[in-house]
Amino acid sequence: MDNSLLTGQYIVQVLNDNEDLTTLLGEGKIFPLIAKTDTTYPFIIYERSAITPIYTKTFGQDNNVQITFRIYAEEYDQGLQITNLVRNILERQTINFPNIIRINDIRLGSTNEQFTDDAFLQTLTFTTQVE
């Protein structure tokens, strides 16, 4: 069964299990697509930016998946510290949930920063191949 559409939620599970990140961010502050209205800074929003199936002759299927994380913070340094930690947790990692999903060699594809909606925004886009 192909579970590549679930890539984001399994990556977030790894982020939520990291005590250093939870200390900086707080509990339950990583959201898919949009944060709850009463959420205080800092927080992270993630989305699946792209998915491209790779079909083979033997009918096996892997997928190239792109996941984007947006880290919002009131203070620039705080946002940068959280962003750096997210990168260090994920970059070059392989995440395996046996019989469910294998997320191979997560790589940072791009990064961006800006000030928007009275917050500092750091953006990280990762690419990976998912089995």
Protein backbone atom coordinates (compact mmCIF):
# COMPACT_ATOMS: atom_id res chain seq x y z
CA MET A 1 0.00 0.00 0.00
CA ASP A 2 1.29 3.44 -0.90
CA ASN A 3 1.18 5.77 2.12
CA SER A 4 3.25 8.60 0.67
CA LEU A 5 0.39 11.07 1.12
CA LEU A 6 0.92 10.57 4.87
CA THR A 7 4.58 11.67 4.77
CA GLY A 8 3.98 14.97 6.58
CA GLN A 9 2.22 13.46 9.57
CA TYR A 10 5.01 10.92 10.10
CA ILE A 11 7.72 13.58 9.85
CA VAL A 12 5.79 15.71 12.35
CA GLN A 13 5.61 12.74 14.70
CA VAL A 14 9.44 12.70 14.71
CA LEU A 15 9.53 16.47 15.36
CA ASN A 16 7.00 16.17 18.20
CA ASP A 17 9.13 13.46 19.81
CA ASN A 18 12.17 15.76 19.99
CA GLU A 19 12.46 17.24 23.51
CA ASP A 20 14.69 20.13 22.43
CA LEU A 21 12.14 21.26 19.85
CA THR A 22 9.22 20.85 22.28
CA THR A 23 11.11 22.99 24.80
CA LEU A 24 11.62 25.81 22.26
CA LEU A 25 8.22 25.56 20.60
CA GLY A 26 5.83 24.22 23.21
CA GLU A 27 3.51 21.20 23.07
CA GLY A 28 1.10 20.79 20.18
CA LYS A 29 2.32 23.73 18.09
CA ILE A 30 2.87 22.02 14.74
CA PHE A 31 -0.17 22.21 12.46
CA PRO A 32 -1.10 21.03 8.96
CA LEU A 33 -1.91 23.93 6.60
CA ILE A 34 -3.15 26.48 9.16
CA ALA A 35 -2.74 27.23 12.86
CA LYS A 36 -5.69 27.49 15.21
CA THR A 37 -6.84 31.08 15.68
CA ASP A 38 -5.79 31.36 19.32
CA THR A 39 -2.30 29.94 18.75
CA THR A 40 0.52 32.03 20.20
CA TYR A 41 4.00 32.36 18.70
CA PRO A 42 6.11 30.43 18.04
CA PHE A 43 4.45 27.72 15.95
CA ILE A 44 5.00 25.67 12.80
CA ILE A 45 2.71 25.04 9.85
CA TYR A 46 3.53 22.27 7.38
CA GLU A 47 2.19 21.19 4.02
CA ARG A 48 2.89 18.63 1.34
CA SER A 49 4.14 20.87 -1.48
CA ALA A 50 4.46 18.21 -4.17
CA ILE A 51 4.37 14.50 -4.82
CA THR A 52 5.66 12.76 -7.93
CA PRO A 53 5.16 8.99 -8.34
CA ILE A 54 8.06 6.96 -9.76
CA TYR A 55 6.68 3.93 -11.59
CA THR A 56 8.91 0.94 -12.39
CA LYS A 57 8.66 -2.03 -14.74
CA THR A 58 7.89 -4.36 -11.85
CA PHE A 59 4.94 -2.17 -10.87
CA GLY A 60 6.70 -1.06 -7.70
CA GLN A 61 6.17 2.51 -6.74
CA ASP A 62 8.17 5.09 -4.87
CA ASN A 63 7.34 8.76 -4.66
CA ASN A 64 9.37 11.92 -4.55
CA VAL A 65 7.71 14.03 -1.87
CA GLN A 66 8.25 17.66 -0.96
CA ILE A 67 7.24 18.95 2.49
CA THR A 68 7.36 22.63 3.45
CA PHE A 69 7.61 23.90 7.03
CA ARG A 70 6.81 27.50 7.95
CA ILE A 71 8.16 28.57 11.33
CA TYR A 72 6.49 31.69 12.79
CA ALA A 73 7.98 33.59 15.74
CA GLU A 74 7.70 37.03 17.34
CA GLU A 75 11.46 37.33 17.65
CA TYR A 76 13.83 36.76 14.75
CA ASP A 77 16.46 34.92 16.83
CA GLN A 78 13.87 32.58 18.32
CA GLY A 79 12.50 31.68 14.89
CA LEU A 80 15.99 31.12 13.54
CA GLN A 81 16.88 28.85 16.46
CA ILE A 82 13.74 26.74 15.93
CA THR A 83 14.35 26.61 12.18
CA ASN A 84 17.93 25.49 12.66
CA LEU A 85 16.81 22.76 15.05
CA VAL A 86 14.12 21.48 12.64
CA ARG A 87 16.77 21.29 9.93
CA ASN A 88 19.17 19.42 12.20
CA ILE A 89 16.47 16.94 13.26
CA LEU A 90 15.38 16.12 9.71
CA GLU A 91 18.24 16.66 7.27
CA ARG A 92 19.80 13.44 5.92
CA GLN A 93 17.55 11.32 8.14
CA THR A 94 15.67 8.19 7.14
CA ILE A 95 12.43 7.61 9.02
CA ASN A 96 11.04 4.10 9.03
CA PHE A 97 7.68 3.01 10.38
CA PRO A 98 7.79 -0.71 9.44
CA ASN A 99 4.92 -1.92 7.24
CA ILE A 100 3.57 1.66 7.03
CA ILE A 101 6.05 4.08 5.44
CA ARG A 102 9.77 4.57 4.83
CA ILE A 103 10.93 8.15 4.31
CA ASN A 104 14.45 8.05 2.82
CA ASP A 105 17.30 10.54 3.11
CA ILE A 106 15.41 13.78 3.80
CA ARG A 107 17.21 16.67 2.10
CA LEU A 108 16.83 20.41 2.44
CA GLY A 109 15.78 21.74 -0.95
CA SER A 110 15.33 25.43 -0.18
CA THR A 111 14.94 28.00 2.56
CA ASN A 112 13.53 31.49 2.77
CA GLU A 113 12.79 34.13 5.39
CA GLN A 114 10.52 37.15 5.59
CA PHE A 115 8.49 39.34 7.92
CA THR A 116 4.73 38.97 7.54
CA ASP A 117 1.61 39.37 9.69
CA ASP A 118 3.68 40.90 12.52
CA ALA A 119 5.88 37.80 12.73
CA PHE A 120 9.19 36.53 11.47
CA LEU A 121 8.68 33.65 9.07
CA GLN A 122 11.33 31.05 8.25
CA THR A 123 10.50 28.56 5.49
CA LEU A 124 12.20 25.19 4.93
CA THR A 125 11.33 22.90 2.03
CA PHE A 126 12.56 19.32 2.23
CA THR A 127 12.55 16.65 -0.47
CA THR A 128 12.61 12.91 0.07
CA GLN A 129 11.85 9.65 -1.63
CA VAL A 130 9.13 7.65 0.07
CA GLU A 131 8.52 3.90 -0.20
